[in-house]
PDB file of N, CA and C in Angstrom:
ATOM      1  N   MET A   1       0.814  -1.195   0.000  1.00  0.00           N
ATOM      2  CA  MET A   1       0.000   0.000   0.000  1.00  0.00           C
ATOM      3  C   MET A   1       0.861   1.264   0.000  1.00  0.00           C
ATOM      4  N   LYS A   2       1.922   1.222   0.803  1.00  0.00           N
ATOM      5  CA  LYS A   2       2.803   2.375   0.895  1.00  0.00           C
ATOM      6  C   LYS A   2       3.501   2.636  -0.434  1.00  0.00           C
ATOM      7  N   LYS A   3       3.880   1.586  -1.119  1.00  0.00           N
ATOM      8  CA  LYS A   3       4.525   1.729  -2.417  1.00  0.00           C
ATOM      9  C   LYS A   3       3.580   2.327  -3.448  1.00  0.00           C
ATOM     10  N   LEU A   4       2.333   1.940  -3.391  1.00  0.00           N
ATOM     11  CA  LEU A   4       1.335   2.464  -4.315  1.00  0.00           C
ATOM     12  C   LEU A   4       1.135   3.969  -4.099  1.00  0.00           C
ATOM     13  N   ILE A   5       1.119   4.409  -2.849  1.00  0.00           N
ATOM     14  CA  ILE A   5       0.966   5.838  -2.543  1.00  0.00           C
ATOM     15  C   ILE A   5       2.191   6.606  -3.029  1.00  0.00           C
ATOM     16  N   ASN A   6       3.379   6.049  -2.842  1.00  0.00           N
ATOM     17  CA  ASN A   6       4.596   6.703  -3.315  1.00  0.00           C
ATOM     18  C   ASN A   6       4.604   6.837  -4.835  1.00  0.00           C
ATOM     19  N   ILE A   7       4.166   5.822  -5.518  1.00  0.00           N
ATOM     20  CA  ILE A   7       4.101   5.864  -6.983  1.00  0.00           C
ATOM     21  C   ILE A   7       3.075   6.897  -7.430  1.00  0.00           C
ATOM     22  N   LEU A   8       1.949   6.962  -6.747  1.00  0.00           N
ATOM     23  CA  LEU A   8       0.922   7.946  -7.069  1.00  0.00           C
ATOM     24  C   LEU A   8       1.451   9.376  -6.876  1.00  0.00           C
ATOM     25  N   PHE A   9       2.132   9.640  -5.765  1.00  0.00           N
ATOM     26  CA  PHE A   9       2.725  10.951  -5.537  1.00  0.00           C
ATOM     27  C   PHE A   9       3.763  11.289  -6.597  1.00  0.00           C
ATOM     28  N   PHE A  10       4.552  10.323  -6.970  1.00  0.00           N
ATOM     29  CA  PHE A  10       5.570  10.535  -7.997  1.00  0.00           C
ATOM     30  C   PHE A  10       4.917  10.903  -9.334  1.00  0.00           C
ATOM     31  N   ILE A  11       3.857  10.224  -9.684  1.00  0.00           N
ATOM     32  CA  ILE A  11       3.146  10.523 -10.935  1.00  0.00           C
ATOM     33  C   ILE A  11       2.528  11.915 -10.885  1.00  0.00           C
ATOM     34  N   ILE A  12       1.973  12.300  -9.753  1.00  0.00           N
ATOM     35  CA  ILE A  12       1.388  13.642  -9.615  1.00  0.00           C
ATOM     36  C   ILE A  12       2.467  14.713  -9.748  1.00  0.00           C
ATOM     37  N   ILE A  13       3.614  14.487  -9.149  1.00  0.00           N
ATOM     38  CA  ILE A  13       4.715  15.460  -9.232  1.00  0.00           C
ATOM     39  C   ILE A  13       5.217  15.581 -10.663  1.00  0.00           C
ATOM     40  N   ILE A  14       5.379  14.456 -11.337  1.00  0.00           N
ATOM     41  CA  ILE A  14       5.828  14.484 -12.734  1.00  0.00           C
ATOM     42  C   ILE A  14       4.798  15.197 -13.603  1.00  0.00           C
ATOM     43  N   PHE A  15       3.533  14.938 -13.373  1.00  0.00           N
ATOM     44  CA  PHE A  15       2.461  15.585 -14.122  1.00  0.00           C
ATOM     45  C   PHE A  15       2.483  17.097 -13.905  1.00  0.00           C
ATOM     46  N   PHE A  16       2.705  17.536 -12.662  1.00  0.00           N
ATOM     47  CA  PHE A  16       2.785  18.956 -12.358  1.00  0.00           C
ATOM     48  C   PHE A  16       3.940  19.618 -13.114  1.00  0.00           C
ATOM     49  N   PHE A  17       5.129  19.042 -13.049  1.00  0.00           N
ATOM     50  CA  PHE A  17       6.282  19.614 -13.740  1.00  0.00           C
ATOM     51  C   PHE A  17       6.096  19.609 -15.256  1.00  0.00           C
ATOM     52  N   PHE A  18       5.487  18.568 -15.775  1.00  0.00           N
ATOM     53  CA  PHE A  18       5.237  18.504 -17.210  1.00  0.00           C
ATOM     54  C   PHE A  18       4.293  19.617 -17.654  1.00  0.00           C
ATOM     55  N   ASN A  19       3.210  19.814 -16.923  1.00  0.00           N
ATOM     56  CA  ASN A  19       2.260  20.871 -17.283  1.00  0.00           C
ATOM     57  C   ASN A  19       2.871  22.260 -17.121  1.00  0.00           C
ATOM     58  N   THR A  20       3.676  22.447 -16.102  1.00  0.00           N
ATOM     59  CA  THR A  20       4.356  23.732 -15.917  1.00  0.00           C
ATOM     60  C   THR A  20       5.292  24.013 -17.081  1.00  0.00           C
ATOM     61  N   PHE A  21       6.089  23.040 -17.455  1.00  0.00           N
ATOM     62  CA  PHE A  21       7.000  23.214 -18.589  1.00  0.00           C
ATOM     63  C   PHE A  21       6.225  23.443 -19.882  1.00  0.00           C
ATOM     64  N   LYS A  22       5.150  22.732 -20.048  1.00  0.00           N
ATOM     65  CA  LYS A  22       4.326  22.870 -21.246  1.00  0.00           C
ATOM     66  C   LYS A  22       3.750  24.276 -21.352  1.00  0.00           C
ATOM     67  N   PHE A  23       3.285  24.832 -20.234  1.00  0.00           N
ATOM     68  CA  PHE A  23       2.726  26.173 -20.242  1.00  0.00           C
ATOM     69  C   PHE A  23       3.793  27.220 -20.557  1.00  0.00           C
ATOM     70  N   TYR A  24       4.916  27.172 -19.873  1.00  0.00           N
ATOM     71  CA  TYR A  24       5.944  28.191 -20.051  1.00  0.00           C
ATOM     72  C   TYR A  24       6.661  28.100 -21.391  1.00  0.00           C
ATOM     73  N   SER A  25       6.634  26.945 -22.012  1.00  0.00           N
ATOM     74  CA  SER A  25       7.273  26.825 -23.320  1.00  0.00           C
ATOM     75  C   SER A  25       6.273  26.936 -24.475  1.00  0.00           C
ATOM     76  N   SER A  26       5.015  27.222 -24.171  1.00  0.00           N
ATOM     77  CA  SER A  26       4.022  27.340 -25.227  1.00  0.00           C
ATOM     78  C   SER A  26       4.263  28.607 -26.049  1.00  0.00           C
ATOM     79  N   LYS A  27       3.834  28.562 -27.266  1.00  0.00           N
ATOM     80  CA  LYS A  27       4.036  29.686 -28.180  1.00  0.00           C
ATOM     81  C   LYS A  27       3.246  30.911 -27.726  1.00  0.00           C
ATOM     82  N   LYS A  28       2.064  30.700 -27.223  1.00  0.00           N
ATOM     83  CA  LYS A  28       1.225  31.814 -26.768  1.00  0.00           C
ATOM     84  C   LYS A  28       1.894  32.562 -25.612  1.00  0.00           C
ATOM     85  N   ASN A  29       2.432  31.834 -24.649  1.00  0.00           N
ATOM     86  CA  ASN A  29       3.088  32.466 -23.509  1.00  0.00           C
ATOM     87  C   ASN A  29       4.352  33.201 -23.938  1.00  0.00           C
ATOM     88  N   ILE A  30       5.130  32.625 -24.821  1.00  0.00           N
ATOM     89  CA  ILE A  30       6.365  33.267 -25.291  1.00  0.00           C
ATOM     90  C   ILE A  30       6.037  34.546 -26.057  1.00  0.00           C
ATOM     91  N   GLU A  31       4.998  34.516 -26.886  1.00  0.00           N
ATOM     92  CA  GLU A  31       4.614  35.728 -27.621  1.00  0.00           C
ATOM     93  C   GLU A  31       4.107  36.811 -26.673  1.00  0.00           C
ATOM     94  N   THR A  32       3.378  36.425 -25.661  1.00  0.00           N
ATOM     95  CA  THR A  32       2.881  37.396 -24.685  1.00  0.00           C
ATOM     96  C   THR A  32       4.031  38.037 -23.923  1.00  0.00           C
ATOM     97  N   LYS A  33       4.994  37.246 -23.503  1.00  0.00           N
ATOM     98  CA  LYS A  33       6.158  37.789 -22.796  1.00  0.00           C
ATOM     99  C   LYS A  33       6.945  38.737 -23.691  1.00  0.00           C
ATOM    100  N   ASP A  34       7.163  38.346 -24.934  1.00  0.00           N
ATOM    101  CA  ASP A  34       7.905  39.206 -25.857  1.00  0.00           C
ATOM    102  C   ASP A  34       7.167  40.506 -26.119  1.00  0.00           C
ATOM    103  N   TYR A  35       5.846  40.441 -26.272  1.00  0.00           N
ATOM    104  CA  TYR A  35       5.052  41.654 -26.496  1.00  0.00           C
ATOM    105  C   TYR A  35       5.156  42.597 -25.304  1.00  0.00           C
ATOM    106  N   ASN A  36       5.025  42.049 -24.107  1.00  0.00           N
ATOM    107  CA  ASN A  36       5.109  42.882 -22.913  1.00  0.00           C
ATOM    108  C   ASN A  36       6.496  43.475 -22.727  1.00  0.00           C
ATOM    109  N   ARG A  37       7.521  42.722 -23.031  1.00  0.00           N
ATOM    110  CA  ARG A  37       8.883  43.231 -22.880  1.00  0.00           C
ATOM    111  C   ARG A  37       9.192  44.308 -23.911  1.00  0.00           C
ATOM    112  N   ASN A  38       8.683  44.167 -25.112  1.00  0.00           N
ATOM    113  CA  ASN A  38       8.962  45.150 -26.160  1.00  0.00           C
ATOM    114  C   ASN A  38       8.154  46.429 -25.977  1.00  0.00           C
ATOM    115  N   ASN A  39       6.984  46.339 -25.401  1.00  0.00           N
ATOM    116  CA  ASN A  39       6.104  47.495 -25.284  1.00  0.00           C
ATOM    117  C   ASN A  39       5.912  47.955 -23.845  1.00  0.00           C
ATOM    118  N   ILE A  40       6.890  47.726 -23.003  1.00  0.00           N
ATOM    119  CA  ILE A  40       6.735  48.073 -21.597  1.00  0.00           C
ATOM    120  C   ILE A  40       6.590  49.580 -21.406  1.00  0.00           C
ATOM    121  N   ASP A  41       7.297  50.392 -22.185  1.00  0.00           N
ATOM    122  CA  ASP A  41       7.183  51.847 -22.053  1.00  0.00           C
ATOM    123  C   ASP A  41       5.780  52.321 -22.408  1.00  0.00           C
ATOM    124  N   GLN A  42       5.231  51.761 -23.456  1.00  0.00           N
ATOM    125  CA  GLN A  42       3.876  52.136 -23.870  1.00  0.00           C
ATOM    126  C   GLN A  42       2.851  51.711 -22.815  1.00  0.00           C
ATOM    127  N   ILE A  43       3.013  50.538 -22.255  1.00  0.00           N
ATOM    128  CA  ILE A  43       2.090  50.042 -21.237  1.00  0.00           C
ATOM    129  C   ILE A  43       2.159  50.927 -19.995  1.00  0.00           C
ATOM    130  N   ILE A  44       3.361  51.302 -19.586  1.00  0.00           N
ATOM    131  CA  ILE A  44       3.515  52.152 -18.396  1.00  0.00           C
ATOM    132  C   ILE A  44       2.915  53.528 -18.655  1.00  0.00           C
ATOM    133  N   ASN A  45       3.135  54.084 -19.830  1.00  0.00           N
ATOM    134  CA  ASN A  45       2.585  55.406 -20.136  1.00  0.00           C
ATOM    135  C   ASN A  45       1.059  55.411 -20.136  1.00  0.00           C
ATOM    136  N   THR A  46       0.434  54.363 -20.638  1.00  0.00           N
ATOM    137  CA  THR A  46      -1.028  54.311 -20.620  1.00  0.00           C
ATOM    138  C   THR A  46      -1.552  54.189 -19.193  1.00  0.00           C
ATOM    139  N   LYS A  47      -0.824  53.483 -18.333  1.00  0.00           N
ATOM    140  CA  LYS A  47      -1.260  53.357 -16.948  1.00  0.00           C
ATOM    141  C   LYS A  47      -1.034  54.654 -16.184  1.00  0.00           C
ATOM    142  N   ILE A  48       0.018  55.397 -16.520  1.00  0.00           N
ATOM    143  CA  ILE A  48       0.308  56.649 -15.823  1.00  0.00           C
ATOM    144  C   ILE A  48      -0.719  57.717 -16.185  1.00  0.00           C
ATOM    145  N   THR A  49      -1.170  57.745 -17.403  1.00  0.00           N
ATOM    146  CA  THR A  49      -2.119  58.782 -17.806  1.00  0.00           C
ATOM    147  C   THR A  49      -3.466  58.635 -17.113  1.00  0.00           C
ATOM    148  N   ASN A  50      -3.794  57.459 -16.650  1.00  0.00           N
ATOM    149  CA  ASN A  50      -5.077  57.233 -15.984  1.00  0.00           C
ATOM    150  C   ASN A  50      -5.031  57.483 -14.476  1.00  0.00           C
ATOM    151  N   LEU A  51      -3.876  57.893 -13.937  1.00  0.00           N
ATOM    152  CA  LEU A  51      -3.775  58.129 -12.501  1.00  0.00           C
ATOM    153  C   LEU A  51      -4.409  59.464 -12.130  1.00  0.00           C
ATOM    154  N   PRO A  52      -5.157  59.502 -11.038  1.00  0.00           N
ATOM    155  CA  PRO A  52      -5.747  60.777 -10.614  1.00  0.00           C
ATOM    156  C   PRO A  52      -4.693  61.644  -9.923  1.00  0.00           C
ATOM    157  N   PHE A  53      -4.865  62.950 -10.007  1.00  0.00           N
ATOM    158  CA  PHE A  53      -3.977  63.901  -9.363  1.00  0.00           C
ATOM    159  C   PHE A  53      -4.581  64.290  -8.017  1.00  0.00           C
ATOM    160  N   LEU A  54      -3.829  64.079  -6.959  1.00  0.00           N
ATOM    161  CA  LEU A  54      -4.309  64.380  -5.617  1.00  0.00           C
ATOM    162  C   LEU A  54      -3.717  65.698  -5.149  1.00  0.00           C
ATOM    163  N   ALA A  55      -4.557  66.552  -4.605  1.00  0.00           N
ATOM    164  CA  ALA A  55      -4.094  67.846  -4.112  1.00  0.00           C
ATOM    165  C   ALA A  55      -3.369  67.664  -2.787  1.00  0.00           C
ATOM    166  N   ASN A  56      -2.407  68.535  -2.540  1.00  0.00           N
ATOM    167  CA  ASN A  56      -1.644  68.492  -1.308  1.00  0.00           C
ATOM    168  C   ASN A  56      -2.457  69.136  -0.189  1.00  0.00           C
ATOM    169  N   ASP A  57      -2.838  68.358   0.801  1.00  0.00           N
ATOM    170  CA  ASP A  57      -3.609  68.891   1.922  1.00  0.00           C
ATOM    171  C   ASP A  57      -2.837  68.755   3.237  1.00  0.00           C
ATOM    172  N   THR A  58      -1.505  68.709   3.173  1.00  0.00           N
ATOM    173  CA  THR A  58      -0.690  68.524   4.365  1.00  0.00           C
ATOM    174  C   THR A  58       0.067  69.786   4.752  1.00  0.00           C
ATOM    175  N   HIS A  59      -0.355  70.936   4.287  1.00  0.00           N
ATOM    176  CA  HIS A  59       0.331  72.180   4.610  1.00  0.00           C
ATOM    177  C   HIS A  59       0.102  72.528   6.082  1.00  0.00           C
ATOM    178  N   ASN A  60       1.175  72.775   6.795  1.00  0.00           N
ATOM    179  CA  ASN A  60       1.172  73.148   8.213  1.00  0.00           C
ATOM    180  C   ASN A  60       0.458  72.123   9.096  1.00  0.00           C
ATOM    181  N   VAL A  61       0.577  70.869   8.776  1.00  0.00           N
ATOM    182  CA  VAL A  61      -0.036  69.836   9.602  1.00  0.00           C
ATOM    183  C   VAL A  61       0.889  69.476  10.759  1.00  0.00           C
ATOM    184  N   ILE A  62       2.173  69.359  10.485  1.00  0.00           N
ATOM    185  CA  ILE A  62       3.138  68.978  11.509  1.00  0.00           C
ATOM    186  C   ILE A  62       3.834  70.237  12.004  1.00  0.00           C
ATOM    187  N   GLU A  63       3.768  70.452  13.308  1.00  0.00           N
ATOM    188  CA  GLU A  63       4.429  71.594  13.907  1.00  0.00           C
ATOM    189  C   GLU A  63       5.600  71.107  14.737  1.00  0.00           C
ATOM    190  N   PHE A  64       6.689  71.815  14.657  1.00  0.00           N
ATOM    191  CA  PHE A  64       7.874  71.438  15.405  1.00  0.00           C
ATOM    192  C   PHE A  64       7.680  71.768  16.874  1.00  0.00           C
ATOM    193  N   ASN A  65       7.933  70.804  17.742  1.00  0.00           N
ATOM    194  CA  ASN A  65       7.785  70.993  19.172  1.00  0.00           C
ATOM    195  C   ASN A  65       9.176  71.046  19.789  1.00  0.00           C
ATOM    196  N   ASP A  66       9.589  72.203  20.264  1.00  0.00           N
ATOM    197  CA  ASP A  66      10.910  72.321  20.867  1.00  0.00           C
ATOM    198  C   ASP A  66      10.847  72.223  22.384  1.00  0.00           C
ATOM    199  N   GLY A  67       9.761  71.755  22.941  1.00  0.00           N
ATOM    200  CA  GLY A  67       9.617  71.593  24.383  1.00  0.00           C
ATOM    201  C   GLY A  67      10.557  70.552  24.937  1.00  0.00           C
ATOM    202  N   PHE A  68      10.923  69.563  24.127  1.00  0.00           N
ATOM    203  CA  PHE A  68      11.819  68.510  24.588  1.00  0.00           C
ATOM    204  C   PHE A  68      13.195  69.084  24.894  1.00  0.00           C
ATOM    205  N   SER A  69      13.704  69.950  24.025  1.00  0.00           N
ATOM    206  CA  SER A  69      15.018  70.536  24.270  1.00  0.00           C
ATOM    207  C   SER A  69      14.983  71.474  25.463  1.00  0.00           C
ATOM    208  N   ASN A  70      13.869  72.152  25.698  1.00  0.00           N
ATOM    209  CA  ASN A  70      13.739  73.010  26.875  1.00  0.00           C
ATOM    210  C   ASN A  70      13.748  72.188  28.155  1.00  0.00           C
ATOM    211  N   ASN A  71      13.125  71.010  28.136  1.00  0.00           N
ATOM    212  CA  ASN A  71      13.115  70.154  29.316  1.00  0.00           C
ATOM    213  C   ASN A  71      14.504  69.648  29.643  1.00  0.00           C
ATOM    214  N   ILE A  72      15.290  69.347  28.618  1.00  0.00           N
ATOM    215  CA  ILE A  72      16.641  68.847  28.856  1.00  0.00           C
ATOM    216  C   ILE A  72      17.494  69.939  29.489  1.00  0.00           C
ATOM    217  N   LYS A  73      17.349  71.177  29.043  1.00  0.00           N
ATOM    218  CA  LYS A  73      18.132  72.273  29.603  1.00  0.00           C
ATOM    219  C   LYS A  73      17.764  72.527  31.057  1.00  0.00           C
ATOM    220  N   ASN A  74      16.529  72.310  31.419  1.00  0.00           N
ATOM    221  CA  ASN A  74      16.069  72.587  32.776  1.00  0.00           C
ATOM    222  C   ASN A  74      16.321  71.432  33.737  1.00  0.00           C
ATOM    223  N   ASP A  75      16.593  70.230  33.236  1.00  0.00           N
ATOM    224  CA  ASP A  75      16.832  69.083  34.108  1.00  0.00           C
ATOM    225  C   ASP A  75      18.185  69.212  34.793  1.00  0.00           C
ATOM    226  N   LYS A  76      18.324  68.489  35.887  1.00  0.00           N
ATOM    227  CA  LYS A  76      19.609  68.481  36.581  1.00  0.00           C
ATOM    228  C   LYS A  76      20.618  67.700  35.745  1.00  0.00           C
ATOM    229  N   PRO A  77      21.888  67.964  35.880  1.00  0.00           N
ATOM    230  CA  PRO A  77      22.899  67.292  35.045  1.00  0.00           C
ATOM    231  C   PRO A  77      22.963  65.796  35.346  1.00  0.00           C
ATOM    232  N   ARG A  78      23.311  65.059  34.355  1.00  0.00           N
ATOM    233  CA  ARG A  78      23.406  63.606  34.484  1.00  0.00           C
ATOM    234  C   ARG A  78      24.794  63.232  34.990  1.00  0.00           C
ATOM    235  N   ASN A  79      24.843  62.184  35.800  1.00  0.00           N
ATOM    236  CA  ASN A  79      26.100  61.808  36.446  1.00  0.00           C
ATOM    237  C   ASN A  79      26.557  60.408  36.063  1.00  0.00           C
ATOM    238  N   PHE A  80      26.243  59.955  34.866  1.00  0.00           N
ATOM    239  CA  PHE A  80      26.613  58.590  34.483  1.00  0.00           C
ATOM    240  C   PHE A  80      28.125  58.412  34.449  1.00  0.00           C
ATOM    241  N   TRP A  81      28.841  59.346  33.820  1.00  0.00           N
ATOM    242  CA  TRP A  81      30.294  59.198  33.692  1.00  0.00           C
ATOM    243  C   TRP A  81      30.981  59.353  35.054  1.00  0.00           C
ATOM    244  N   ASN A  82      30.354  60.033  35.964  1.00  0.00           N
ATOM    245  CA  ASN A  82      30.938  60.144  37.310  1.00  0.00           C
ATOM    246  C   ASN A  82      30.939  58.802  38.039  1.00  0.00           C
ATOM    247  N   LEU A  83      30.022  57.905  37.659  1.00  0.00           N
ATOM    248  CA  LEU A  83      29.997  56.581  38.276  1.00  0.00           C
ATOM    249  C   LEU A  83      31.211  55.760  37.887  1.00  0.00           C
ATOM    250  N   LEU A  84      31.785  56.002  36.731  1.00  0.00           N
ATOM    251  CA  LEU A  84      32.916  55.223  36.253  1.00  0.00           C
ATOM    252  C   LEU A  84      34.251  55.752  36.749  1.00  0.00           C
ATOM    253  N   LYS A  85      34.273  56.926  37.268  1.00  0.00           N
ATOM    254  CA  LYS A  85      35.524  57.517  37.762  1.00  0.00           C
ATOM    255  C   LYS A  85      35.944  56.827  39.062  1.00  0.00           C
ATOM    256  N   THR A  86      37.250  56.676  39.203  1.00  0.00           N
ATOM    257  CA  THR A  86      37.771  56.109  40.444  1.00  0.00           C
ATOM    258  C   THR A  86      38.191  57.236  41.371  1.00  0.00           C
ATOM    259  N   LYS A  87      38.055  57.028  42.651  1.00  0.00           N
ATOM    260  CA  LYS A  87      38.395  58.079  43.617  1.00  0.00           C
ATOM    261  C   LYS A  87      39.786  57.931  44.125  1.00  0.00           C
TER     262      LYS A  87
END
């Protein structure tokens, strides 16, 4: 029974690879790939012309907050390097 299942899986795998190779080597697929590769600029230009133009609505949305630098100036000095000094 186990051998029969292994043979069945092997046949399915071979069938899959055969169909994949058959599709990618078909004349229709090769012509489609060549057409797309030769006319890629034209295809991109047609897609770009259909894009909508969006207005910029982000003017003065982000404001710079300098409160962080003011807090650092007002804090007491840090003593990390003083911990490493020997007396």
